[in-house]
Amino acid sequence: MTDTGTLNFCWSQTMLAGFVAAGASDAIISPGSRSTPLALAMLRQPRLRCHVAVDERSAAFFAVGIAKASRRPILLLATSGTAPANWLPAVIEASQSGIPLILLSADRPPELLGCGANQTVDQIGLFGSHVRASHALGTPHEGFDPDYLHRLAARVYEQATWPNPGPVHINQPFREPLLPLADTAEAEIPESIRVAYPVLKPAQEDIRDFANRISGRPGIIVCGEMPAYRENSNAIAALAQRLNVPILAEPLSGLRYGDHDRSHLCVRYNHWLSNQAFADEHQPEWVLRLGAFPVTRNLQNYVSEIRQTHAVVEPWPRWRDPAHRLTHLFRAEPAVFCAALLAESPLAATGGWRQYFVQQELIAAEKADAGQIAAILEEIADATPLFVGNSLAIRQLDSLSGSGEKTIHFYGNRGASGIDGNISTAMGIAAVHGNVVALLGDLTCQHDLGGLALAQGRNAVIVTVNNAGGGIFDHLPQCALPEFERGWRTPQQISFEHAALTFGLGFAHADSIAEFRRVLRAALAAGGPHLIELQMP
């Protein structure tokens, strides 16, 4: 008869072997007692890279960052009680961004539920509609079939990956004792299950109908956040060249920077779309949207006016139509769709349609502001990941980042667009790429100071733009309210220098762009973790 502690450990070992066979390579552990069997099995599994993060909320956003950069499901472990509840903001972000996570919450056994046992809450269905699936397991039992746990792990991994990437929750109860009494052999990794996924491509007659509808007519291609695959960039560029139309591409689309054809890109549309006369006089007859809906209001409004032919290419089962203008929905990978549309040989837009946009881009480029965005993009090395916080920072990047041949991996948490967990997410990205630069507002940085603990030992430069609170609200109607300063702008009294020193980061302060360039260059050259405070009026 196997003792309970050893049974718990063997069960956990077997489940994790299934996850490794399915492709899992990283696990994030937040320390706890009830989760001991799974934590110990993770730490003793040589094919898992384990990260320990004390704060569960920070740990979950760290997992989001790793999964975002690697595009692979990440294992996330917490003990029972309120611990997994701290995952919720990150779970929502992962769900809406299509980020694969595998959530493993330890739990009390059934006899301790609903009777006032310490550190016990109802964890079944904790994440509601924000997970792709939930699995409420029983306690480990003698004589369990390893194949069951192996296939469960494979199934969960697949649910987190396809057809709609996102979080999957496993709730695992354990009875005490939690530590194994006997030595156990290393778990054998089962043979991987071969999973074959379809290549999503609409019927060619539907592609042909759309090609005839847009052929020779003035239109635009709009690209929001999407996975930055080279094949997408090349295919979208080739389509725009054939149709002779502009590509209005946001930074998170992955199209603005790189050695692909960028000749048809428009990246300064926020400047010239603020001219309502130009927008009214140059209304496209069609729009082809790829990726997420636009971030900034000017482009949102411009796109929302296009009713005649409004097409979206979306491979995941999501409905991306906040303006309620959709006329065509193509369930396809962007590169596959573009190639199929090109095969129909649609005609280019007649007249000087694209030239109108080229002229506006040239005028806007002459007025470009060489602020902190330009400084960062010029100073960072090729292939550097740049994480950009929400609110004002992402909008400034959209307006001011321009375009170039340097390879830059842009990241942001745009699923739910919250300011929580941004530092932690950036550190997860650094765990994959080996380095990161993060540009955050002061409130965003303050909101996730605990994430600075994850910066230790990493090549990470965190830039916080201190503009005395919520600068985004200066551009919103709330700024006219007499209560604006207290209720919305909310300037804070915080020493970012003390925060940096507390968590062992280098610190520098700058109050001009010239000084910011100097300290940024020094931080990048030195390596290691740094926090730079850029004081702005």
Protein backbone atom coordinates (compact mmCIF):
# COMPACT_ATOMS: atom_id res chain seq x y z
CA MET A 1 0.00 0.00 0.00
CA THR A 2 1.49 3.34 -1.09
CA ASP A 3 1.61 6.14 1.46
CA THR A 4 -0.45 9.21 0.57
CA GLY A 5 2.51 11.57 0.20
CA THR A 6 4.31 9.27 -2.24
CA LEU A 7 1.05 8.67 -4.14
CA ASN A 8 0.53 12.46 -4.50
CA PHE A 9 4.07 12.86 -5.82
CA CYS A 10 3.90 9.95 -8.28
CA TRP A 11 0.55 11.24 -9.59
CA SER A 12 2.05 14.72 -10.08
CA GLN A 13 5.19 13.31 -11.72
CA THR A 14 3.09 11.35 -14.18
CA MET A 15 0.90 14.31 -15.12
CA LEU A 16 3.93 16.53 -15.68
CA ALA A 17 5.57 13.87 -17.84
CA GLY A 18 2.49 14.11 -20.04
CA PHE A 19 2.85 17.89 -20.28
CA VAL A 20 6.54 17.59 -21.19
CA ALA A 21 5.68 15.04 -23.88
CA ALA A 22 3.07 17.46 -25.26
CA GLY A 23 5.66 20.24 -25.53
CA ALA A 24 5.69 22.14 -22.21
CA SER A 25 9.10 23.59 -21.37
CA ASP A 26 8.46 26.26 -18.68
CA ALA A 27 6.70 26.26 -15.33
CA ILE A 28 6.09 29.17 -12.96
CA ILE A 29 5.72 28.22 -9.30
CA SER A 30 4.36 30.35 -6.49
CA PRO A 31 5.32 28.77 -3.14
CA GLY A 32 2.58 27.12 -1.05
CA SER A 33 1.87 24.07 1.04
CA ARG A 34 -1.06 22.29 -0.64
CA SER A 35 0.67 22.54 -4.03
CA THR A 36 3.80 20.77 -2.73
CA PRO A 37 3.40 17.53 -4.74
CA LEU A 38 3.15 19.39 -8.04
CA ALA A 39 5.85 21.93 -7.13
CA LEU A 40 8.28 19.19 -6.14
CA ALA A 41 7.52 17.23 -9.30
CA MET A 42 8.16 20.35 -11.40
CA LEU A 43 11.45 21.14 -9.66
CA ARG A 44 12.62 17.53 -10.13
CA GLN A 45 11.61 17.31 -13.79
CA PRO A 46 14.87 17.97 -15.71
CA ARG A 47 13.07 18.89 -18.93
CA LEU A 48 11.13 21.74 -17.29
CA ARG A 49 12.64 25.18 -16.80
CA CYS A 50 11.19 26.33 -13.47
CA HIS A 51 10.74 29.95 -12.37
CA VAL A 52 9.68 30.86 -8.84
CA ALA A 53 7.56 33.99 -8.28
CA VAL A 54 6.21 34.74 -4.81
CA ASP A 55 3.35 37.01 -5.90
CA GLU A 56 0.71 35.00 -7.78
CA ARG A 57 -0.57 37.98 -9.76
CA SER A 58 2.96 38.82 -10.89
CA ALA A 59 3.64 35.14 -11.60
CA ALA A 60 0.61 34.92 -13.88
CA PHE A 61 1.60 37.97 -15.93
CA PHE A 62 5.16 36.61 -16.09
CA ALA A 63 3.65 33.46 -17.59
CA VAL A 64 1.73 35.61 -20.07
CA GLY A 65 5.01 37.19 -21.17
CA ILE A 66 6.78 33.86 -21.68
CA ALA A 67 3.81 32.42 -23.58
CA LYS A 68 3.42 35.60 -25.63
CA ALA A 69 7.05 35.47 -26.78
CA SER A 70 7.30 31.68 -27.22
CA ARG A 71 3.75 31.02 -28.49
CA ARG A 72 3.74 27.87 -26.33
CA PRO A 73 1.55 26.95 -23.33
CA ILE A 74 3.17 27.72 -19.97
CA LEU A 75 2.46 25.82 -16.74
CA LEU A 76 1.40 28.02 -13.82
CA LEU A 77 1.10 26.60 -10.28
CA ALA A 78 -0.43 28.03 -7.09
CA THR A 79 -1.65 26.65 -3.80
CA SER A 80 -5.24 26.62 -2.57
CA GLY A 81 -7.34 29.52 -1.29
CA THR A 82 -7.07 33.05 -2.66
CA ALA A 83 -3.74 32.26 -4.36
CA PRO A 84 -5.21 31.26 -7.76
CA ALA A 85 -7.75 34.09 -7.53
CA ASN A 86 -4.80 36.45 -7.98
CA TRP A 87 -4.37 35.01 -11.46
CA LEU A 88 -7.66 36.42 -12.72
CA PRO A 89 -6.42 39.68 -14.35
CA ALA A 90 -3.73 37.78 -16.24
CA VAL A 91 -6.16 35.01 -17.17
CA ILE A 92 -8.50 37.62 -18.67
CA GLU A 93 -5.63 39.19 -20.60
CA ALA A 94 -4.48 35.79 -21.86
CA SER A 95 -8.01 34.84 -22.88
CA GLN A 96 -8.59 37.99 -24.89
CA SER A 97 -5.10 38.01 -26.43
CA GLY A 98 -5.08 34.33 -27.37
CA ILE A 99 -2.18 33.47 -25.06
CA PRO A 100 -1.91 29.77 -24.11
CA LEU A 101 -1.65 29.09 -20.35
CA ILE A 102 -2.14 25.94 -18.28
CA LEU A 103 -3.38 26.85 -14.81
CA LEU A 104 -2.73 24.26 -12.08
CA SER A 105 -4.42 25.14 -8.79
CA ALA A 106 -3.96 22.84 -5.82
CA ASP A 107 -7.01 22.31 -3.61
CA ARG A 108 -8.26 20.73 -0.39
CA PRO A 109 -9.88 17.29 -0.71
CA PRO A 110 -13.71 17.05 -0.88
CA GLU A 111 -14.15 16.32 2.83
CA LEU A 112 -12.62 19.72 3.70
CA LEU A 113 -14.77 21.78 1.34
CA GLY A 114 -17.71 23.80 2.63
CA CYS A 115 -17.02 23.09 6.29
CA GLY A 116 -14.86 26.03 7.35
CA ALA A 117 -11.46 24.42 6.75
CA ASN A 118 -8.62 26.93 6.69
CA GLN A 119 -7.45 28.42 3.36
CA THR A 120 -10.31 26.80 1.49
CA VAL A 121 -12.53 28.44 -1.12
CA ASP A 122 -14.68 27.12 -3.95
CA GLN A 123 -12.14 26.88 -6.78
CA ILE A 124 -14.27 24.98 -9.29
CA GLY A 125 -15.16 27.26 -12.18
CA LEU A 126 -13.09 30.04 -10.61
CA PHE A 127 -12.30 31.66 -13.97
CA GLY A 128 -15.71 31.35 -15.60
CA SER A 129 -15.80 32.10 -19.32
CA HIS A 130 -12.19 33.32 -19.36
CA VAL A 131 -10.77 29.79 -19.79
CA ARG A 132 -11.09 27.51 -22.79
CA ALA A 133 -11.80 24.52 -20.53
CA SER A 134 -11.86 23.55 -16.85
CA HIS A 135 -10.95 20.17 -15.37
CA ALA A 136 -11.92 19.35 -11.77
CA LEU A 137 -9.84 16.29 -10.88
CA GLY A 138 -10.27 13.89 -8.02
CA THR A 139 -7.64 13.19 -5.40
CA PRO A 140 -4.82 10.83 -6.41
CA HIS A 141 -5.79 7.20 -5.94
CA GLU A 142 -3.86 3.96 -5.83
CA GLY A 143 -3.57 1.97 -9.01
CA PHE A 144 -4.17 4.98 -11.25
CA ASP A 145 -3.61 4.51 -14.97
CA PRO A 146 -0.62 6.63 -16.13
CA ASP A 147 -2.09 6.71 -19.63
CA TYR A 148 -5.08 8.63 -18.27
CA LEU A 149 -2.89 11.42 -16.87
CA HIS A 150 -0.68 11.44 -19.96
CA ARG A 151 -3.69 11.86 -22.27
CA LEU A 152 -5.27 14.41 -19.95
CA ALA A 153 -2.10 16.51 -20.14
CA ALA A 154 -1.99 16.17 -23.93
CA ARG A 155 -5.65 17.13 -24.15
CA VAL A 156 -5.21 20.19 -21.92
CA TYR A 157 -2.12 21.29 -23.88
CA GLU A 158 -4.12 21.03 -27.11
CA GLN A 159 -7.10 22.89 -25.63
CA ALA A 160 -4.76 25.76 -24.69
CA THR A 161 -3.35 25.83 -28.22
CA TRP A 162 -6.14 25.24 -30.74
CA PRO A 163 -8.52 26.32 -32.19
CA ASN A 164 -8.61 29.37 -29.94
CA PRO A 165 -5.41 29.72 -27.89
CA GLY A 166 -5.98 30.68 -24.27
CA PRO A 167 -5.93 29.51 -20.64
CA VAL A 168 -7.09 26.09 -19.44
CA HIS A 169 -7.68 25.37 -15.73
CA ILE A 170 -6.93 22.16 -13.83
CA ASN A 171 -8.03 22.03 -10.18
CA GLN A 172 -6.14 19.30 -8.36
CA PRO A 173 -7.04 18.35 -4.75
CA PHE A 174 -4.53 16.58 -2.51
CA ARG A 175 -4.91 14.83 0.84
CA GLU A 176 -2.20 15.13 3.45
CA PRO A 177 0.57 14.18 3.96
CA LEU A 178 1.98 16.11 1.02
CA LEU A 179 5.62 14.94 1.04
CA PRO A 180 6.68 11.54 -0.32
CA LEU A 181 8.10 9.11 2.22
CA ALA A 182 9.75 6.83 -0.31
CA ASP A 183 12.27 7.58 -3.03
CA THR A 184 10.74 7.53 -6.49
CA ALA A 185 12.27 7.01 -9.88
CA GLU A 186 12.28 9.81 -12.42
CA ALA A 187 9.04 9.77 -14.37
CA GLU A 188 9.25 8.26 -17.82
CA ILE A 189 8.25 10.68 -20.58
CA PRO A 190 5.63 9.03 -22.80
CA GLU A 191 5.74 9.14 -26.57
CA SER A 192 4.30 12.39 -27.88
CA ILE A 193 0.89 12.30 -29.50
CA ARG A 194 1.09 13.50 -33.08
CA VAL A 195 -1.46 16.26 -33.56
CA ALA A 196 -2.08 17.50 -37.11
CA TYR A 197 -3.76 20.89 -37.52
CA PRO A 198 -5.57 22.13 -40.64
CA VAL A 199 -4.35 24.98 -42.80
CA LEU A 200 -7.23 27.46 -42.69
CA LYS A 201 -8.22 28.71 -46.12
CA PRO A 202 -11.71 29.75 -47.28
CA ALA A 203 -13.21 28.23 -50.42
CA GLN A 204 -11.62 29.69 -53.53
CA GLU A 205 -15.01 30.79 -54.89
CA ASP A 206 -15.43 33.02 -51.83
CA ILE A 207 -11.96 34.47 -52.40
CA ARG A 208 -12.81 35.02 -56.07
CA ASP A 209 -16.03 36.83 -55.20
CA PHE A 210 -14.16 39.15 -52.85
CA ALA A 211 -11.41 39.75 -55.42
CA ASN A 212 -14.02 40.81 -57.99
CA ARG A 213 -15.61 43.09 -55.42
CA ILE A 214 -12.42 45.06 -54.69
CA SER A 215 -10.65 44.77 -58.05
CA GLY A 216 -9.67 48.18 -59.42
CA ARG A 217 -11.36 50.03 -56.55
CA PRO A 218 -9.76 52.33 -53.94
CA GLY A 219 -9.28 50.61 -50.61
CA ILE A 220 -6.99 50.20 -47.62
CA ILE A 221 -5.39 47.35 -45.70
CA VAL A 222 -5.41 47.86 -41.91
CA CYS A 223 -3.19 45.72 -39.69
CA GLY A 224 -3.56 45.60 -35.91
CA GLU A 225 -1.85 43.39 -33.36
CA MET A 226 -1.13 39.89 -34.61
CA PRO A 227 1.68 37.34 -34.35
CA ALA A 228 4.72 38.80 -36.11
CA TYR A 229 5.41 36.00 -38.55
CA ARG A 230 7.66 36.81 -41.49
CA GLU A 231 5.35 35.05 -43.92
CA ASN A 232 2.52 37.39 -42.91
CA SER A 233 4.64 40.51 -43.49
CA ASN A 234 5.77 39.35 -46.92
CA ALA A 235 2.30 38.22 -48.02
CA ILE A 236 0.54 41.42 -46.90
CA ALA A 237 3.22 43.56 -48.57
CA ALA A 238 2.85 41.62 -51.84
CA LEU A 239 -0.93 42.02 -51.79
CA ALA A 240 -0.71 45.77 -51.17
CA GLN A 241 1.74 46.13 -54.03
CA ARG A 242 -0.56 44.23 -56.40
CA LEU A 243 -3.60 46.31 -55.41
CA ASN A 244 -1.57 49.53 -55.15
CA VAL A 245 -3.21 50.46 -51.84
CA PRO A 246 -1.77 51.72 -48.55
CA ILE A 247 -1.20 49.51 -45.51
CA LEU A 248 -2.11 51.32 -42.30
CA ALA A 249 -0.05 49.21 -39.91
CA GLU A 250 0.12 49.52 -36.13
CA PRO A 251 3.41 48.75 -34.33
CA LEU A 252 2.08 45.51 -32.80
CA SER A 253 1.28 44.19 -36.28
CA GLY A 254 4.98 43.46 -36.79
CA LEU A 255 4.96 45.23 -40.17
CA ARG A 256 6.58 48.55 -39.31
CA TYR A 257 10.12 47.27 -38.77
CA GLY A 258 12.09 44.61 -40.61
CA ASP A 259 13.73 43.89 -43.95
CA HIS A 260 10.48 43.04 -45.75
CA ASP A 261 8.95 45.37 -48.38
CA ARG A 262 7.67 48.43 -46.50
CA SER A 263 7.04 50.62 -49.54
CA HIS A 264 3.26 50.67 -49.11
CA LEU A 265 3.23 51.26 -45.35
CA CYS A 266 1.50 54.22 -43.74
CA VAL A 267 2.62 54.73 -40.13
CA ARG A 268 1.78 58.38 -39.43
CA TYR A 269 -1.96 58.15 -40.06
CA ASN A 270 -2.78 59.57 -36.62
CA HIS A 271 -1.43 62.91 -37.83
CA TRP A 272 -3.22 63.20 -41.14
CA LEU A 273 -6.43 61.47 -40.07
CA SER A 274 -6.89 64.25 -37.52
CA ASN A 275 -7.65 66.38 -40.60
CA GLN A 276 -11.33 65.52 -40.99
CA ALA A 277 -11.47 67.16 -44.41
CA PHE A 278 -8.84 64.78 -45.75
CA ALA A 279 -10.59 61.78 -44.19
CA ASP A 280 -13.94 62.81 -45.70
CA GLU A 281 -12.48 63.40 -49.16
CA HIS A 282 -10.56 60.13 -49.27
CA GLN A 283 -13.05 57.51 -48.20
CA PRO A 284 -12.07 53.97 -49.30
CA GLU A 285 -14.65 51.75 -50.97
CA TRP A 286 -13.29 48.75 -49.10
CA VAL A 287 -11.14 47.82 -46.12
CA LEU A 288 -9.32 44.57 -45.43
CA ARG A 289 -8.53 44.22 -41.73
CA LEU A 290 -6.00 41.76 -40.33
CA GLY A 291 -5.29 41.40 -36.62
CA ALA A 292 -6.92 43.28 -33.75
CA PHE A 293 -9.15 46.34 -34.11
CA PRO A 294 -7.10 49.58 -34.20
CA VAL A 295 -5.83 51.13 -30.96
CA THR A 296 -6.17 54.85 -31.67
CA ARG A 297 -9.37 56.82 -32.07
CA ASN A 298 -8.55 58.46 -35.42
CA LEU A 299 -7.96 55.15 -37.16
CA GLN A 300 -10.92 53.55 -35.39
CA ASN A 301 -13.20 56.30 -36.70
CA TYR A 302 -11.78 56.13 -40.23
CA VAL A 303 -12.22 52.36 -40.43
CA SER A 304 -15.69 52.49 -38.87
CA GLU A 305 -16.99 54.68 -41.69
CA ILE A 306 -16.32 51.98 -44.29
CA ARG A 307 -19.58 50.09 -44.80
CA GLN A 308 -19.70 49.01 -48.44
CA THR A 309 -17.07 46.24 -48.17
CA HIS A 310 -15.61 45.67 -44.73
CA ALA A 311 -13.61 42.43 -44.54
CA VAL A 312 -11.81 40.81 -41.61
CA VAL A 313 -9.30 37.96 -41.77
CA GLU A 314 -9.30 36.10 -38.43
CA PRO A 315 -8.07 32.50 -38.02
CA TRP A 316 -9.30 32.15 -34.44
CA PRO A 317 -13.01 31.81 -33.55
CA ARG A 318 -13.32 35.41 -32.38
CA TRP A 319 -15.65 38.17 -33.54
CA ARG A 320 -13.64 41.36 -34.19
CA ASP A 321 -16.26 43.90 -35.21
CA PRO A 322 -16.79 46.56 -32.50
CA ALA A 323 -17.99 49.06 -35.11
CA HIS A 324 -20.64 46.61 -36.43
CA ARG A 325 -19.62 47.16 -40.06
CA LEU A 326 -18.51 43.66 -41.04
CA THR A 327 -19.54 42.42 -44.49
CA HIS A 328 -16.98 39.63 -45.06
CA LEU A 329 -15.32 37.30 -42.53
CA PHE A 330 -12.53 35.00 -43.69
CA ARG A 331 -11.44 32.27 -41.30
CA ALA A 332 -7.88 31.97 -42.55
CA GLU A 333 -4.24 32.55 -41.72
CA PRO A 334 -3.24 35.99 -43.05
CA ALA A 335 -0.46 34.70 -45.31
CA VAL A 336 -2.65 31.93 -46.75
CA PHE A 337 -5.52 34.35 -47.42
CA CYS A 338 -3.27 36.94 -49.10
CA ALA A 339 -1.73 34.30 -51.36
CA ALA A 340 -5.16 33.00 -52.36
CA LEU A 341 -6.38 36.52 -53.11
CA LEU A 342 -3.27 37.28 -55.18
CA ALA A 343 -3.91 34.13 -57.21
CA GLU A 344 -7.15 35.71 -58.46
CA SER A 345 -5.14 38.56 -60.06
CA PRO A 346 -7.26 41.49 -58.84
CA LEU A 347 -6.64 44.84 -60.55
CA ALA A 348 -4.84 47.72 -58.86
CA ALA A 349 -6.74 50.77 -57.67
CA THR A 350 -7.14 53.25 -60.49
CA GLY A 351 -5.83 56.81 -60.57
CA GLY A 352 -3.51 58.21 -57.95
CA TRP A 353 -5.31 56.68 -54.95
CA ARG A 354 -2.26 55.56 -53.00
CA GLN A 355 -0.34 58.71 -53.84
CA TYR A 356 -2.71 60.78 -51.70
CA PHE A 357 -1.59 58.79 -48.65
CA VAL A 358 2.08 58.87 -49.64
CA GLN A 359 1.96 62.65 -49.78
CA GLN A 360 0.37 62.88 -46.33
CA GLU A 361 3.00 60.53 -44.91
CA LEU A 362 5.81 62.72 -46.25
CA ILE A 363 4.29 65.86 -44.75
CA ALA A 364 3.79 64.16 -41.36
CA ALA A 365 7.35 62.77 -41.38
CA GLU A 366 8.76 66.31 -41.68
CA LYS A 367 6.95 67.26 -38.46
CA ALA A 368 7.90 64.10 -36.54
CA ASP A 369 8.74 64.61 -32.88
CA ALA A 370 12.12 63.16 -31.86
CA GLY A 371 11.04 62.30 -28.29
CA GLN A 372 11.53 59.27 -26.08
CA ILE A 373 10.03 56.91 -28.67
CA ALA A 374 12.61 57.86 -31.29
CA ALA A 375 15.39 57.72 -28.69
CA ILE A 376 14.52 54.15 -27.68
CA LEU A 377 14.11 52.88 -31.24
CA GLU A 378 17.44 54.39 -32.29
CA GLU A 379 19.41 53.21 -29.25
CA ILE A 380 18.26 49.59 -28.94
CA ALA A 381 20.10 46.89 -30.84
CA ASP A 382 18.68 44.88 -33.71
CA ALA A 383 16.23 42.11 -32.68
CA THR A 384 15.51 43.72 -29.29
CA PRO A 385 12.04 43.07 -27.83
CA LEU A 386 10.24 46.29 -26.87
CA PHE A 387 7.29 45.98 -24.51
CA VAL A 388 4.99 49.00 -24.42
CA GLY A 389 2.53 49.73 -21.63
CA ASN A 390 -1.07 50.70 -22.11
CA SER A 391 -2.88 54.06 -21.89
CA LEU A 392 -0.68 56.86 -23.25
CA ALA A 393 2.49 54.85 -24.02
CA ILE A 394 0.95 52.58 -26.68
CA ARG A 395 -0.75 55.54 -28.35
CA GLN A 396 2.48 57.50 -28.46
CA LEU A 397 4.23 54.50 -29.98
CA ASP A 398 1.49 54.24 -32.59
CA SER A 399 1.90 57.89 -33.56
CA LEU A 400 5.66 58.31 -33.28
CA SER A 401 7.46 55.03 -33.92
CA GLY A 402 7.83 55.47 -37.67
CA SER A 403 9.30 52.60 -39.67
CA GLY A 404 12.71 51.11 -40.39
CA GLU A 405 14.78 48.14 -41.48
CA LYS A 406 15.93 47.25 -37.96
CA THR A 407 14.20 44.19 -36.55
CA ILE A 408 12.23 45.12 -33.43
CA HIS A 409 9.88 42.73 -31.65
CA PHE A 410 6.98 44.85 -30.37
CA TYR A 411 4.85 43.54 -27.51
CA GLY A 412 1.95 44.85 -25.46
CA ASN A 413 -0.96 43.58 -23.37
CA ARG A 414 -3.78 44.66 -25.65
CA GLY A 415 -6.28 41.90 -24.93
CA ALA A 416 -7.99 43.72 -22.07
CA SER A 417 -5.62 46.74 -22.24
CA GLY A 418 -5.09 46.93 -18.48
CA ILE A 419 -2.20 48.66 -16.73
CA ASP A 420 -1.77 45.74 -14.32
CA GLY A 421 1.10 43.28 -14.61
CA ASN A 422 3.00 45.11 -17.34
CA ILE A 423 6.44 44.84 -15.70
CA SER A 424 5.89 41.14 -15.00
CA THR A 425 4.83 40.48 -18.60
CA ALA A 426 7.93 42.26 -19.89
CA MET A 427 10.11 40.10 -17.65
CA GLY A 428 8.49 36.99 -19.09
CA ILE A 429 9.39 38.24 -22.56
CA ALA A 430 12.98 38.75 -21.35
CA ALA A 431 13.04 35.14 -20.13
CA VAL A 432 12.52 34.03 -23.75
CA HIS A 433 14.52 36.62 -25.71
CA GLY A 434 17.31 37.12 -23.17
CA ASN A 435 16.65 40.85 -22.92
CA VAL A 436 13.87 43.43 -23.03
CA VAL A 437 13.22 47.17 -22.98
CA ALA A 438 9.89 48.21 -21.46
CA LEU A 439 8.30 51.65 -21.88
CA LEU A 440 5.67 52.32 -19.22
CA GLY A 441 3.75 55.20 -17.70
CA ASP A 442 4.32 56.07 -14.05
CA LEU A 443 0.96 54.68 -12.90
CA THR A 444 1.49 51.49 -14.90
CA CYS A 445 4.90 51.05 -13.31
CA GLN A 446 3.58 51.73 -9.81
CA HIS A 447 0.75 49.24 -10.37
CA ASP A 448 3.24 46.37 -10.77
CA LEU A 449 6.20 47.28 -8.56
CA GLY A 450 6.25 43.68 -7.32
CA GLY A 451 7.19 42.68 -10.85
CA LEU A 452 10.59 44.31 -10.30
CA ALA A 453 11.52 41.21 -8.28
CA LEU A 454 11.40 39.23 -11.54
CA ALA A 455 13.91 41.61 -13.16
CA GLN A 456 16.77 40.41 -10.97
CA GLY A 457 19.46 38.74 -13.04
CA ARG A 458 17.91 39.75 -16.37
CA ASN A 459 19.03 42.14 -19.08
CA ALA A 460 16.01 44.38 -18.67
CA VAL A 461 15.68 48.15 -18.97
CA ILE A 462 12.39 49.52 -17.64
CA VAL A 463 11.64 53.10 -18.65
CA THR A 464 8.93 54.82 -16.66
CA VAL A 465 7.71 58.13 -18.04
CA ASN A 466 6.75 60.20 -15.02
CA ASN A 467 4.22 62.77 -16.22
CA ALA A 468 2.53 63.13 -12.82
CA GLY A 469 -0.22 60.55 -13.11
CA GLY A 470 -2.72 59.50 -15.74
CA GLY A 471 -1.66 61.56 -18.74
CA ILE A 472 -4.08 59.70 -21.00
CA PHE A 473 -6.96 61.51 -19.28
CA ASP A 474 -5.65 64.87 -20.50
CA HIS A 475 -6.96 63.80 -23.91
CA LEU A 476 -10.39 62.70 -22.68
CA PRO A 477 -13.53 64.68 -21.75
CA GLN A 478 -12.93 64.09 -18.04
CA CYS A 479 -10.17 66.72 -18.12
CA ALA A 480 -12.81 69.48 -17.99
CA LEU A 481 -14.26 68.30 -14.68
CA PRO A 482 -13.43 70.26 -11.51
CA GLU A 483 -12.63 66.93 -9.83
CA PHE A 484 -10.23 65.93 -12.63
CA GLU A 485 -6.95 66.19 -10.71
CA ARG A 486 -8.18 64.17 -7.73
CA GLY A 487 -10.32 61.56 -9.47
CA TRP A 488 -8.55 60.94 -12.79
CA ARG A 489 -5.10 62.54 -13.16
CA THR A 490 -4.12 61.22 -9.68
CA PRO A 491 -0.48 62.37 -9.41
CA GLN A 492 1.42 60.05 -7.06
CA GLN A 493 4.16 60.59 -4.52
CA ILE A 494 6.53 57.71 -5.17
CA SER A 495 10.29 57.35 -5.29
CA PHE A 496 11.14 55.14 -8.23
CA GLU A 497 14.77 55.30 -7.12
CA HIS A 498 13.89 53.67 -3.80
CA ALA A 499 11.79 51.06 -5.61
CA ALA A 500 14.73 50.21 -7.88
CA LEU A 501 17.15 49.93 -4.96
CA THR A 502 14.70 47.76 -3.00
CA PHE A 503 14.68 45.15 -5.76
CA GLY A 504 18.36 45.45 -6.70
CA LEU A 505 18.00 47.34 -9.99
CA GLY A 506 20.26 50.04 -11.28
CA PHE A 507 18.58 53.45 -11.37
CA ALA A 508 18.93 56.63 -13.42
CA HIS A 509 16.89 59.80 -13.71
CA ALA A 510 16.53 61.99 -16.79
CA ASP A 511 14.60 65.20 -17.35
CA SER A 512 15.47 65.79 -21.00
CA ILE A 513 15.60 63.64 -24.12
CA ALA A 514 19.34 64.22 -24.47
CA GLU A 515 19.94 63.01 -20.91
CA PHE A 516 17.55 60.11 -21.46
CA ARG A 517 19.55 58.97 -24.47
CA ARG A 518 22.74 59.04 -22.41
CA VAL A 519 21.41 57.01 -19.47
CA LEU A 520 19.59 54.57 -21.75
CA ARG A 521 22.76 53.95 -23.74
CA ALA A 522 24.68 53.38 -20.50
CA ALA A 523 22.09 50.95 -19.14
CA LEU A 524 22.02 48.94 -22.35
CA ALA A 525 25.81 48.75 -22.43
CA ALA A 526 26.09 47.71 -18.77
CA GLY A 527 23.55 44.88 -19.01
CA GLY A 528 21.53 43.61 -16.07
CA PRO A 529 18.31 45.13 -14.71
CA HIS A 530 17.78 48.90 -14.73
CA LEU A 531 14.93 51.31 -14.00
CA ILE A 532 15.08 54.69 -15.73
CA GLU A 533 12.73 57.49 -14.68
CA LEU A 534 12.10 60.00 -17.44
CA GLN A 535 10.59 63.12 -15.90
CA MET A 536 8.21 64.81 -18.30
CA PRO A 537 6.21 68.03 -17.81
